[in-house]
């Protein structure tokens, strides 16, 4: 279940299937699949991590998911 990270592209892969991607635009913002806003690089990694947790069975009220989502709002 790795998140593959390169300079301008990231992808979350689970069981050989790409679940979500993040792509950097020309201004340095990252657009992450399933998220309605743009992020900075570290935030994009966090957003992909939240996506991974939710996809692998963690509940949206899980303390780790809640904490990571709070990180994205600060």
C-alpha atoms as a PDB file:
ATOM      1  CA  UNK A   1       0.000   0.000   0.000  1.00  0.00           C
ATOM      2  CA  UNK A   2       2.659   2.505  -0.876  1.00  0.00           C
ATOM      3  CA  UNK A   3       2.319   6.130  -1.756  1.00  0.00           C
ATOM      4  CA  UNK A   4       4.727   6.625  -4.626  1.00  0.00           C
ATOM      5  CA  UNK A   5       6.184  10.129  -4.624  1.00  0.00           C
ATOM      6  CA  UNK A   6       8.139  11.884  -7.359  1.00  0.00           C
ATOM      7  CA  UNK A   7       8.892  15.550  -7.967  1.00  0.00           C
ATOM      8  CA  UNK A   8       5.550  16.443  -9.581  1.00  0.00           C
ATOM      9  CA  UNK A   9       3.313  13.399  -9.170  1.00  0.00           C
ATOM     10  CA  UNK A  10       2.168  11.077  -6.368  1.00  0.00           C
ATOM     11  CA  UNK A  11      -0.039   8.025  -6.415  1.00  0.00           C
ATOM     12  CA  UNK A  12      -1.636   5.840  -3.800  1.00  0.00           C
ATOM     13  CA  UNK A  13      -1.651   2.192  -4.763  1.00  0.00           C
ATOM     14  CA  UNK A  14      -3.517  -0.514  -2.856  1.00  0.00           C
ATOM     15  CA  UNK A  15      -3.286  -4.162  -3.930  1.00  0.00           C
ATOM     16  CA  UNK A  16      -1.858  -3.162  -7.294  1.00  0.00           C
ATOM     17  CA  UNK A  17      -4.660  -0.687  -8.042  1.00  0.00           C
ATOM     18  CA  UNK A  18      -4.141   3.076  -8.196  1.00  0.00           C
ATOM     19  CA  UNK A  19      -6.705   4.553  -5.790  1.00  0.00           C
ATOM     20  CA  UNK A  20      -5.763   8.244  -5.884  1.00  0.00           C
ATOM     21  CA  UNK A  21      -3.226  10.596  -7.416  1.00  0.00           C
ATOM     22  CA  UNK A  22      -1.798  14.011  -6.667  1.00  0.00           C
ATOM     23  CA  UNK A  23      -0.423  16.217  -9.419  1.00  0.00           C
ATOM     24  CA  UNK A  24       1.498  19.467  -8.985  1.00  0.00           C
ATOM     25  CA  UNK A  25       0.405  22.440 -11.076  1.00  0.00           C
ATOM     26  CA  UNK A  26       2.625  25.212 -12.452  1.00  0.00           C
ATOM     27  CA  UNK A  27       2.151  27.350  -9.320  1.00  0.00           C
ATOM     28  CA  UNK A  28       3.268  24.572  -6.960  1.00  0.00           C
ATOM     29  CA  UNK A  29      -0.184  23.554  -5.735  1.00  0.00           C
ATOM     30  CA  UNK A  30      -1.166  19.908  -5.617  1.00  0.00           C
ATOM     31  CA  UNK A  31      -4.528  18.575  -6.784  1.00  0.00           C
ATOM     32  CA  UNK A  32      -5.468  15.331  -5.038  1.00  0.00           C
ATOM     33  CA  UNK A  33      -8.109  12.906  -6.330  1.00  0.00           C
ATOM     34  CA  UNK A  34     -11.331  13.016  -4.259  1.00  0.00           C
ATOM     35  CA  UNK A  35     -10.394  16.249  -2.439  1.00  0.00           C
ATOM     36  CA  UNK A  36     -12.192  19.508  -3.306  1.00  0.00           C
ATOM     37  CA  UNK A  37      -9.229  21.838  -2.782  1.00  0.00           C
ATOM     38  CA  UNK A  38      -5.566  22.312  -3.609  1.00  0.00           C
ATOM     39  CA  UNK A  39      -2.732  21.533  -1.201  1.00  0.00           C
ATOM     40  CA  UNK A  40       0.944  22.166  -0.619  1.00  0.00           C
ATOM     41  CA  UNK A  41       3.230  19.145  -1.081  1.00  0.00           C
ATOM     42  CA  UNK A  42       3.194  17.921   2.545  1.00  0.00           C
ATOM     43  CA  UNK A  43      -0.565  18.391   2.738  1.00  0.00           C
ATOM     44  CA  UNK A  44      -1.003  16.325  -0.434  1.00  0.00           C
ATOM     45  CA  UNK A  45       0.877  13.461   1.209  1.00  0.00           C
ATOM     46  CA  UNK A  46      -1.387  13.788   4.251  1.00  0.00           C
ATOM     47  CA  UNK A  47      -4.502  13.807   2.041  1.00  0.00           C
ATOM     48  CA  UNK A  48      -3.334  10.631   0.304  1.00  0.00           C
ATOM     49  CA  UNK A  49      -2.683   9.061   3.711  1.00  0.00           C
ATOM     50  CA  UNK A  50      -6.232   9.893   4.840  1.00  0.00           C
ATOM     51  CA  UNK A  51      -7.554   8.407   1.601  1.00  0.00           C
ATOM     52  CA  UNK A  52      -5.526   5.258   2.245  1.00  0.00           C
ATOM     53  CA  UNK A  53      -6.848   4.913   5.796  1.00  0.00           C
ATOM     54  CA  UNK A  54     -10.459   5.352   4.714  1.00  0.00           C
ATOM     55  CA  UNK A  55     -10.075   2.972   1.777  1.00  0.00           C
ATOM     56  CA  UNK A  56      -8.562   0.263   3.977  1.00  0.00           C
ATOM     57  CA  UNK A  57     -11.426   0.256   6.467  1.00  0.00           C
ATOM     58  CA  UNK A  58     -10.765   2.986   8.999  1.00  0.00           C
ATOM     59  CA  UNK A  59     -13.882   4.870  10.013  1.00  0.00           C
ATOM     60  CA  UNK A  60     -14.070   8.616   9.359  1.00  0.00           C
ATOM     61  CA  UNK A  61     -14.343   9.128  13.130  1.00  0.00           C
ATOM     62  CA  UNK A  62     -11.106   7.185  13.771  1.00  0.00           C
ATOM     63  CA  UNK A  63      -8.806   9.392  15.922  1.00  0.00           C
ATOM     64  CA  UNK A  64      -5.945   9.157  13.411  1.00  0.00           C
ATOM     65  CA  UNK A  65      -8.198  10.147  10.498  1.00  0.00           C
ATOM     66  CA  UNK A  66      -9.670  12.986  12.540  1.00  0.00           C
ATOM     67  CA  UNK A  67      -6.218  14.261  13.544  1.00  0.00           C
ATOM     68  CA  UNK A  68      -4.874  14.133  10.002  1.00  0.00           C
ATOM     69  CA  UNK A  69      -7.932  15.937   8.632  1.00  0.00           C
ATOM     70  CA  UNK A  70      -7.427  18.633  11.283  1.00  0.00           C
ATOM     71  CA  UNK A  71      -3.837  18.999  10.051  1.00  0.00           C
ATOM     72  CA  UNK A  72      -5.165  19.706   6.573  1.00  0.00           C
ATOM     73  CA  UNK A  73      -7.374  22.506   7.887  1.00  0.00           C
ATOM     74  CA  UNK A  74      -4.583  24.367   9.704  1.00  0.00           C
END
